[in-house]
């Protein structure tokens, strides 16, 4: 999916990306289709399954996405995570 977005929109990149599922590959590769300095907004990484191990892996990935510096190979876009509660 990220390859298609890069090829299709490279000359006309998006001003923001809103990921409502949590596709880590899109975030890792968003520099190809997201304008520099613009946010990648997500609900957080998608869980592989609903176990404590998967929860811990998702929390680790969230921290990495927010804190890993660009100078050390991090994604050169801001990672913004939002949550919502439905009732």
PDB file of N, CA and C in Angstrom:
ATOM      1  N   UNK A   1       0.813  -1.185   0.000  1.00  0.00           N
ATOM      2  CA  UNK A   1       0.000   0.000   0.000  1.00  0.00           C
ATOM      3  C   UNK A   1       0.871   1.269   0.000  1.00  0.00           C
ATOM      4  N   UNK A   2       1.936   1.304   0.823  1.00  0.00           N
ATOM      5  CA  UNK A   2       2.778   2.493   0.876  1.00  0.00           C
ATOM      6  C   UNK A   2       3.505   2.725  -0.439  1.00  0.00           C
ATOM      7  N   UNK A   3       3.818   1.672  -1.161  1.00  0.00           N
ATOM      8  CA  UNK A   3       4.475   1.837  -2.472  1.00  0.00           C
ATOM      9  C   UNK A   3       3.532   2.515  -3.463  1.00  0.00           C
ATOM     10  N   UNK A   4       2.284   2.087  -3.454  1.00  0.00           N
ATOM     11  CA  UNK A   4       1.283   2.705  -4.336  1.00  0.00           C
ATOM     12  C   UNK A   4       1.134   4.192  -4.011  1.00  0.00           C
ATOM     13  N   UNK A   5       1.007   4.516  -2.731  1.00  0.00           N
ATOM     14  CA  UNK A   5       0.836   5.913  -2.337  1.00  0.00           C
ATOM     15  C   UNK A   5       2.043   6.757  -2.737  1.00  0.00           C
ATOM     16  N   UNK A   6       3.236   6.207  -2.563  1.00  0.00           N
ATOM     17  CA  UNK A   6       4.446   6.943  -2.945  1.00  0.00           C
ATOM     18  C   UNK A   6       4.483   7.194  -4.445  1.00  0.00           C
ATOM     19  N   UNK A   7       4.199   6.161  -5.228  1.00  0.00           N
ATOM     20  CA  UNK A   7       4.238   6.309  -6.685  1.00  0.00           C
ATOM     21  C   UNK A   7       3.131   7.236  -7.181  1.00  0.00           C
ATOM     22  N   UNK A   8       1.949   7.093  -6.637  1.00  0.00           N
ATOM     23  CA  UNK A   8       0.788   7.850  -7.114  1.00  0.00           C
ATOM     24  C   UNK A   8       0.819   9.317  -6.690  1.00  0.00           C
ATOM     25  N   UNK A   9       1.325   9.599  -5.475  1.00  0.00           N
ATOM     26  CA  UNK A   9       1.226  10.949  -4.930  1.00  0.00           C
ATOM     27  C   UNK A   9       2.577  11.609  -4.638  1.00  0.00           C
ATOM     28  N   UNK A  10       3.659  11.088  -5.174  1.00  0.00           N
ATOM     29  CA  UNK A  10       4.973  11.642  -4.874  1.00  0.00           C
ATOM     30  C   UNK A  10       5.094  13.108  -5.297  1.00  0.00           C
ATOM     31  N   UNK A  11       4.573  13.460  -6.436  1.00  0.00           N
ATOM     32  CA  UNK A  11       4.636  14.848  -6.889  1.00  0.00           C
ATOM     33  C   UNK A  11       3.618  15.742  -6.216  1.00  0.00           C
ATOM     34  N   UNK A  12       2.639  15.165  -5.577  1.00  0.00           N
ATOM     35  CA  UNK A  12       1.539  15.905  -4.955  1.00  0.00           C
ATOM     36  C   UNK A  12       1.236  15.253  -3.606  1.00  0.00           C
ATOM     37  N   UNK A  13       2.127  15.410  -2.656  1.00  0.00           N
ATOM     38  CA  UNK A  13       2.044  14.707  -1.376  1.00  0.00           C
ATOM     39  C   UNK A  13       0.883  15.201  -0.517  1.00  0.00           C
ATOM     40  N   UNK A  14       0.483  14.374   0.422  1.00  0.00           N
ATOM     41  CA  UNK A  14      -0.607  14.688   1.342  1.00  0.00           C
ATOM     42  C   UNK A  14      -0.145  15.685   2.404  1.00  0.00           C
ATOM     43  N   UNK A  15      -1.075  16.521   2.868  1.00  0.00           N
ATOM     44  CA  UNK A  15      -0.803  17.457   3.945  1.00  0.00           C
ATOM     45  C   UNK A  15      -0.938  16.818   5.309  1.00  0.00           C
ATOM     46  N   UNK A  16      -1.602  15.680   5.385  1.00  0.00           N
ATOM     47  CA  UNK A  16      -1.747  14.916   6.634  1.00  0.00           C
ATOM     48  C   UNK A  16      -2.200  13.512   6.260  1.00  0.00           C
ATOM     49  N   UNK A  17      -1.896  12.581   7.126  1.00  0.00           N
ATOM     50  CA  UNK A  17      -2.381  11.215   6.960  1.00  0.00           C
ATOM     51  C   UNK A  17      -3.111  10.851   8.246  1.00  0.00           C
ATOM     52  N   UNK A  18      -4.306  10.297   8.112  1.00  0.00           N
ATOM     53  CA  UNK A  18      -5.069   9.820   9.258  1.00  0.00           C
ATOM     54  C   UNK A  18      -5.250   8.314   9.085  1.00  0.00           C
ATOM     55  N   UNK A  19      -4.575   7.569   9.929  1.00  0.00           N
ATOM     56  CA  UNK A  19      -4.589   6.107   9.866  1.00  0.00           C
ATOM     57  C   UNK A  19      -5.547   5.591  10.943  1.00  0.00           C
ATOM     58  N   UNK A  20      -6.698   5.107  10.534  1.00  0.00           N
ATOM     59  CA  UNK A  20      -7.728   4.663  11.473  1.00  0.00           C
ATOM     60  C   UNK A  20      -7.601   3.190  11.847  1.00  0.00           C
ATOM     61  N   UNK A  21      -6.544   2.517  11.382  1.00  0.00           N
ATOM     62  CA  UNK A  21      -6.360   1.107  11.723  1.00  0.00           C
ATOM     63  C   UNK A  21      -5.062   0.850  12.474  1.00  0.00           C
ATOM     64  N   UNK A  22      -4.015   1.579  12.143  1.00  0.00           N
ATOM     65  CA  UNK A  22      -2.729   1.398  12.812  1.00  0.00           C
ATOM     66  C   UNK A  22      -1.748   0.579  12.001  1.00  0.00           C
ATOM     67  N   UNK A  23      -1.570   0.939  10.733  1.00  0.00           N
ATOM     68  CA  UNK A  23      -0.679   0.204   9.836  1.00  0.00           C
ATOM     69  C   UNK A  23       0.747   0.736   9.987  1.00  0.00           C
ATOM     70  N   UNK A  24       1.589  -0.012  10.675  1.00  0.00           N
ATOM     71  CA  UNK A  24       2.954   0.425  10.961  1.00  0.00           C
ATOM     72  C   UNK A  24       3.756   0.666   9.685  1.00  0.00           C
ATOM     73  N   UNK A  25       3.577  -0.139   8.662  1.00  0.00           N
ATOM     74  CA  UNK A  25       4.316   0.030   7.405  1.00  0.00           C
ATOM     75  C   UNK A  25       4.013   1.373   6.753  1.00  0.00           C
ATOM     76  N   UNK A  26       2.787   1.864   6.889  1.00  0.00           N
ATOM     77  CA  UNK A  26       2.466   3.183   6.337  1.00  0.00           C
ATOM     78  C   UNK A  26       3.253   4.264   7.056  1.00  0.00           C
ATOM     79  N   UNK A  27       3.312   4.180   8.385  1.00  0.00           N
ATOM     80  CA  UNK A  27       4.076   5.188   9.121  1.00  0.00           C
ATOM     81  C   UNK A  27       5.549   5.122   8.771  1.00  0.00           C
ATOM     82  N   UNK A  28       6.113   3.940   8.746  1.00  0.00           N
ATOM     83  CA  UNK A  28       7.543   3.796   8.459  1.00  0.00           C
ATOM     84  C   UNK A  28       7.917   4.358   7.098  1.00  0.00           C
ATOM     85  N   UNK A  29       6.989   4.373   6.161  1.00  0.00           N
ATOM     86  CA  UNK A  29       7.283   4.789   4.794  1.00  0.00           C
ATOM     87  C   UNK A  29       6.544   6.062   4.376  1.00  0.00           C
ATOM     88  N   UNK A  30       5.982   6.793   5.320  1.00  0.00           N
ATOM     89  CA  UNK A  30       5.149   7.941   4.968  1.00  0.00           C
ATOM     90  C   UNK A  30       5.924   9.115   4.369  1.00  0.00           C
ATOM     91  N   UNK A  31       7.232   9.147   4.503  1.00  0.00           N
ATOM     92  CA  UNK A  31       8.011  10.243   3.913  1.00  0.00           C
ATOM     93  C   UNK A  31       7.836  10.296   2.398  1.00  0.00           C
ATOM     94  N   UNK A  32       7.491   9.182   1.783  1.00  0.00           N
ATOM     95  CA  UNK A  32       7.311   9.145   0.336  1.00  0.00           C
ATOM     96  C   UNK A  32       6.023   9.773  -0.152  1.00  0.00           C
ATOM     97  N   UNK A  33       5.038   9.972   0.750  1.00  0.00           N
ATOM     98  CA  UNK A  33       3.755  10.516   0.311  1.00  0.00           C
ATOM     99  C   UNK A  33       3.173  11.564   1.253  1.00  0.00           C
ATOM    100  N   UNK A  34       3.923  11.951   2.292  1.00  0.00           N
ATOM    101  CA  UNK A  34       3.447  12.948   3.257  1.00  0.00           C
ATOM    102  C   UNK A  34       4.413  14.140   3.270  1.00  0.00           C
ATOM    103  N   UNK A  35       3.873  15.341   3.128  1.00  0.00           N
ATOM    104  CA  UNK A  35       4.677  16.558   3.097  1.00  0.00           C
ATOM    105  C   UNK A  35       5.521  16.653   4.373  1.00  0.00           C
ATOM    106  N   UNK A  36       6.773  17.058   4.217  1.00  0.00           N
ATOM    107  CA  UNK A  36       7.663  17.207   5.367  1.00  0.00           C
ATOM    108  C   UNK A  36       7.092  18.234   6.339  1.00  0.00           C
ATOM    109  N   UNK A  37       7.172  17.908   7.628  1.00  0.00           N
ATOM    110  CA  UNK A  37       6.656  18.796   8.663  1.00  0.00           C
ATOM    111  C   UNK A  37       5.176  18.615   8.956  1.00  0.00           C
ATOM    112  N   UNK A  38       4.531  17.740   8.225  1.00  0.00           N
ATOM    113  CA  UNK A  38       3.096  17.501   8.432  1.00  0.00           C
ATOM    114  C   UNK A  38       2.903  16.217   9.237  1.00  0.00           C
ATOM    115  N   UNK A  39       1.789  16.080   9.961  1.00  0.00           N
ATOM    116  CA  UNK A  39       1.631  14.964  10.898  1.00  0.00           C
ATOM    117  C   UNK A  39       1.096  13.680  10.275  1.00  0.00           C
ATOM    118  N   UNK A  40       1.500  12.598  10.902  1.00  0.00           N
ATOM    119  CA  UNK A  40       0.928  11.277  10.644  1.00  0.00           C
ATOM    120  C   UNK A  40       0.082  10.981  11.891  1.00  0.00           C
ATOM    121  N   UNK A  41      -1.230  10.988  11.746  1.00  0.00           N
ATOM    122  CA  UNK A  41      -2.146  10.800  12.871  1.00  0.00           C
ATOM    123  C   UNK A  41      -2.679   9.377  12.819  1.00  0.00           C
ATOM    124  N   UNK A  42      -2.644   8.709  13.962  1.00  0.00           N
ATOM    125  CA  UNK A  42      -3.050   7.308  14.001  1.00  0.00           C
ATOM    126  C   UNK A  42      -3.769   6.975  15.303  1.00  0.00           C
ATOM    127  N   UNK A  43      -4.455   5.863  15.291  1.00  0.00           N
ATOM    128  CA  UNK A  43      -5.091   5.340  16.510  1.00  0.00           C
ATOM    129  C   UNK A  43      -4.117   4.479  17.294  1.00  0.00           C
ATOM    130  N   UNK A  44      -2.905   4.313  16.777  1.00  0.00           N
ATOM    131  CA  UNK A  44      -1.890   3.471  17.414  1.00  0.00           C
ATOM    132  C   UNK A  44      -1.678   2.220  16.584  1.00  0.00           C
ATOM    133  N   UNK A  45      -0.647   1.456  16.896  1.00  0.00           N
ATOM    134  CA  UNK A  45      -0.365   0.243  16.131  1.00  0.00           C
ATOM    135  C   UNK A  45      -1.484  -0.790  16.272  1.00  0.00           C
ATOM    136  N   UNK A  46      -1.771  -1.468  15.189  1.00  0.00           N
ATOM    137  CA  UNK A  46      -2.770  -2.542  15.228  1.00  0.00           C
ATOM    138  C   UNK A  46      -2.211  -3.714  16.037  1.00  0.00           C
ATOM    139  N   UNK A  47      -3.048  -4.315  16.840  1.00  0.00           N
ATOM    140  CA  UNK A  47      -2.633  -5.460  17.647  1.00  0.00           C
ATOM    141  C   UNK A  47      -2.602  -6.717  16.789  1.00  0.00           C
ATOM    142  N   UNK A  48      -1.594  -7.541  16.984  1.00  0.00           N
ATOM    143  CA  UNK A  48      -1.519  -8.827  16.281  1.00  0.00           C
ATOM    144  C   UNK A  48      -2.624  -9.747  16.791  1.00  0.00           C
ATOM    145  N   UNK A  49      -2.832  -9.724  18.092  1.00  0.00           N
ATOM    146  CA  UNK A  49      -3.922 -10.455  18.730  1.00  0.00           C
ATOM    147  C   UNK A  49      -4.161  -9.804  20.091  1.00  0.00           C
ATOM    148  N   UNK A  50      -5.117 -10.266  20.828  1.00  0.00           N
ATOM    149  CA  UNK A  50      -5.453  -9.633  22.099  1.00  0.00           C
ATOM    150  C   UNK A  50      -4.884 -10.421  23.265  1.00  0.00           C
ATOM    151  N   UNK A  51      -3.567 -10.284  23.443  1.00  0.00           N
ATOM    152  CA  UNK A  51      -2.861 -10.936  24.545  1.00  0.00           C
ATOM    153  C   UNK A  51      -2.005  -9.869  25.240  1.00  0.00           C
ATOM    154  N   UNK A  52      -1.509 -10.192  26.427  1.00  0.00           N
ATOM    155  CA  UNK A  52      -0.634  -9.261  27.126  1.00  0.00           C
ATOM    156  C   UNK A  52       0.645  -9.017  26.336  1.00  0.00           C
ATOM    157  N   UNK A  53       1.166 -10.050  25.707  1.00  0.00           N
ATOM    158  CA  UNK A  53       2.369  -9.904  24.899  1.00  0.00           C
ATOM    159  C   UNK A  53       2.158  -8.941  23.742  1.00  0.00           C
ATOM    160  N   UNK A  54       1.019  -9.036  23.094  1.00  0.00           N
ATOM    161  CA  UNK A  54       0.705  -8.154  21.981  1.00  0.00           C
ATOM    162  C   UNK A  54       0.513  -6.722  22.471  1.00  0.00           C
ATOM    163  N   UNK A  55      -0.097  -6.571  23.641  1.00  0.00           N
ATOM    164  CA  UNK A  55      -0.267  -5.245  24.232  1.00  0.00           C
ATOM    165  C   UNK A  55       1.094  -4.606  24.521  1.00  0.00           C
ATOM    166  N   UNK A  56       2.001  -5.365  25.094  1.00  0.00           N
ATOM    167  CA  UNK A  56       3.337  -4.844  25.386  1.00  0.00           C
ATOM    168  C   UNK A  56       4.091  -4.491  24.109  1.00  0.00           C
ATOM    169  N   UNK A  57       3.951  -5.325  23.084  1.00  0.00           N
ATOM    170  CA  UNK A  57       4.605  -5.041  21.800  1.00  0.00           C
ATOM    171  C   UNK A  57       4.061  -3.752  21.188  1.00  0.00           C
ATOM    172  N   UNK A  58       2.746  -3.547  21.283  1.00  0.00           N
ATOM    173  CA  UNK A  58       2.141  -2.326  20.750  1.00  0.00           C
ATOM    174  C   UNK A  58       2.611  -1.103  21.530  1.00  0.00           C
ATOM    175  N   UNK A  59       2.734  -1.227  22.853  1.00  0.00           N
ATOM    176  CA  UNK A  59       3.203  -0.107  23.664  1.00  0.00           C
ATOM    177  C   UNK A  59       4.650   0.244  23.325  1.00  0.00           C
ATOM    178  N   UNK A  60       5.460  -0.769  23.097  1.00  0.00           N
ATOM    179  CA  UNK A  60       6.853  -0.548  22.708  1.00  0.00           C
ATOM    180  C   UNK A  60       6.926   0.185  21.370  1.00  0.00           C
ATOM    181  N   UNK A  61       6.092  -0.246  20.428  1.00  0.00           N
ATOM    182  CA  UNK A  61       6.059   0.373  19.106  1.00  0.00           C
ATOM    183  C   UNK A  61       5.581   1.828  19.196  1.00  0.00           C
ATOM    184  N   UNK A  62       4.584   2.101  20.045  1.00  0.00           N
ATOM    185  CA  UNK A  62       4.114   3.477  20.230  1.00  0.00           C
ATOM    186  C   UNK A  62       5.246   4.363  20.729  1.00  0.00           C
ATOM    187  N   UNK A  63       5.958   3.891  21.742  1.00  0.00           N
ATOM    188  CA  UNK A  63       7.068   4.666  22.299  1.00  0.00           C
ATOM    189  C   UNK A  63       8.154   4.884  21.249  1.00  0.00           C
ATOM    190  N   UNK A  64       8.476   3.848  20.500  1.00  0.00           N
ATOM    191  CA  UNK A  64       9.497   3.970  19.463  1.00  0.00           C
ATOM    192  C   UNK A  64       9.074   4.989  18.405  1.00  0.00           C
ATOM    193  N   UNK A  65       7.823   4.924  17.971  1.00  0.00           N
ATOM    194  CA  UNK A  65       7.334   5.846  16.943  1.00  0.00           C
ATOM    195  C   UNK A  65       7.398   7.294  17.406  1.00  0.00           C
ATOM    196  N   UNK A  66       7.148   7.531  18.683  1.00  0.00           N
ATOM    197  CA  UNK A  66       7.137   8.904  19.194  1.00  0.00           C
ATOM    198  C   UNK A  66       8.524   9.404  19.578  1.00  0.00           C
ATOM    199  N   UNK A  67       9.392   8.513  20.038  1.00  0.00           N
ATOM    200  CA  UNK A  67      10.637   8.948  20.652  1.00  0.00           C
ATOM    201  C   UNK A  67      11.898   8.698  19.843  1.00  0.00           C
ATOM    202  N   UNK A  68      11.866   7.780  18.887  1.00  0.00           N
ATOM    203  CA  UNK A  68      13.084   7.442  18.146  1.00  0.00           C
ATOM    204  C   UNK A  68      13.517   8.634  17.309  1.00  0.00           C
ATOM    205  N   UNK A  69      14.703   9.167  17.545  1.00  0.00           N
ATOM    206  CA  UNK A  69      15.134  10.383  16.842  1.00  0.00           C
ATOM    207  C   UNK A  69      15.399  10.150  15.350  1.00  0.00           C
ATOM    208  N   UNK A  70      15.087  11.149  14.588  1.00  0.00           N
ATOM    209  CA  UNK A  70      15.295  11.083  13.134  1.00  0.00           C
ATOM    210  C   UNK A  70      16.759  10.891  12.791  1.00  0.00           C
ATOM    211  N   UNK A  71      17.632  11.483  13.589  1.00  0.00           N
ATOM    212  CA  UNK A  71      19.064  11.383  13.334  1.00  0.00           C
ATOM    213  C   UNK A  71      19.580   9.957  13.473  1.00  0.00           C
ATOM    214  N   UNK A  72      18.830   9.112  14.145  1.00  0.00           N
ATOM    215  CA  UNK A  72      19.246   7.718  14.322  1.00  0.00           C
ATOM    216  C   UNK A  72      18.386   6.762  13.503  1.00  0.00           C
ATOM    217  N   UNK A  73      17.779   7.254  12.439  1.00  0.00           N
ATOM    218  CA  UNK A  73      17.025   6.394  11.542  1.00  0.00           C
ATOM    219  C   UNK A  73      15.524   6.398  11.756  1.00  0.00           C
ATOM    220  N   UNK A  74      15.036   7.267  12.630  1.00  0.00           N
ATOM    221  CA  UNK A  74      13.592   7.357  12.855  1.00  0.00           C
ATOM    222  C   UNK A  74      12.885   7.970  11.656  1.00  0.00           C
ATOM    223  N   UNK A  75      11.575   7.815  11.619  1.00  0.00           N
ATOM    224  CA  UNK A  75      10.757   8.340  10.518  1.00  0.00           C
ATOM    225  C   UNK A  75      10.758   9.873  10.582  1.00  0.00           C
ATOM    226  N   UNK A  76      11.035  10.554   9.470  1.00  0.00           N
ATOM    227  CA  UNK A  76      11.120  12.013   9.488  1.00  0.00           C
ATOM    228  C   UNK A  76       9.763  12.715   9.409  1.00  0.00           C
ATOM    229  N   UNK A  77       8.818  12.294  10.172  1.00  0.00           N
ATOM    230  CA  UNK A  77       7.497  12.910  10.262  1.00  0.00           C
ATOM    231  C   UNK A  77       7.011  12.783  11.702  1.00  0.00           C
ATOM    232  N   UNK A  78       6.158  13.723  12.137  1.00  0.00           N
ATOM    233  CA  UNK A  78       5.613  13.672  13.489  1.00  0.00           C
ATOM    234  C   UNK A  78       4.561  12.567  13.588  1.00  0.00           C
ATOM    235  N   UNK A  79       4.642  11.809  14.677  1.00  0.00           N
ATOM    236  CA  UNK A  79       3.708  10.721  14.963  1.00  0.00           C
ATOM    237  C   UNK A  79       2.739  11.225  16.021  1.00  0.00           C
ATOM    238  N   UNK A  80       1.474  11.328  15.677  1.00  0.00           N
ATOM    239  CA  UNK A  80       0.452  11.811  16.588  1.00  0.00           C
ATOM    240  C   UNK A  80      -0.542  10.689  16.803  1.00  0.00           C
ATOM    241  N   UNK A  81      -0.731  10.333  18.052  1.00  0.00           N
ATOM    242  CA  UNK A  81      -1.658   9.241  18.364  1.00  0.00           C
ATOM    243  C   UNK A  81      -2.876   9.802  19.074  1.00  0.00           C
ATOM    244  N   UNK A  82      -4.047   9.405  18.628  1.00  0.00           N
ATOM    245  CA  UNK A  82      -5.306   9.838  19.241  1.00  0.00           C
ATOM    246  C   UNK A  82      -6.114   8.632  19.664  1.00  0.00           C
ATOM    247  N   UNK A  83      -6.939   8.828  20.654  1.00  0.00           N
ATOM    248  CA  UNK A  83      -7.852   7.772  21.090  1.00  0.00           C
ATOM    249  C   UNK A  83      -9.238   8.366  21.248  1.00  0.00           C
ATOM    250  N   UNK A  84     -10.203   7.530  21.210  1.00  0.00           N
ATOM    251  CA  UNK A  84     -11.576   7.957  21.394  1.00  0.00           C
ATOM    252  C   UNK A  84     -12.368   6.853  22.079  1.00  0.00           C
ATOM    253  N   UNK A  85     -13.407   7.258  22.732  1.00  0.00           N
ATOM    254  CA  UNK A  85     -14.262   6.306  23.429  1.00  0.00           C
ATOM    255  C   UNK A  85     -15.674   6.446  22.893  1.00  0.00           C
ATOM    256  N   UNK A  86     -16.250   5.355  22.528  1.00  0.00           N
ATOM    257  CA  UNK A  86     -17.643   5.355  22.065  1.00  0.00           C
ATOM    258  C   UNK A  86     -18.528   4.815  23.173  1.00  0.00           C
ATOM    259  N   UNK A  87     -19.689   5.393  23.300  1.00  0.00           N
ATOM    260  CA  UNK A  87     -20.630   4.858  24.287  1.00  0.00           C
ATOM    261  C   UNK A  87     -22.028   4.789  23.699  1.00  0.00           C
TER     262      UNK A  87
END
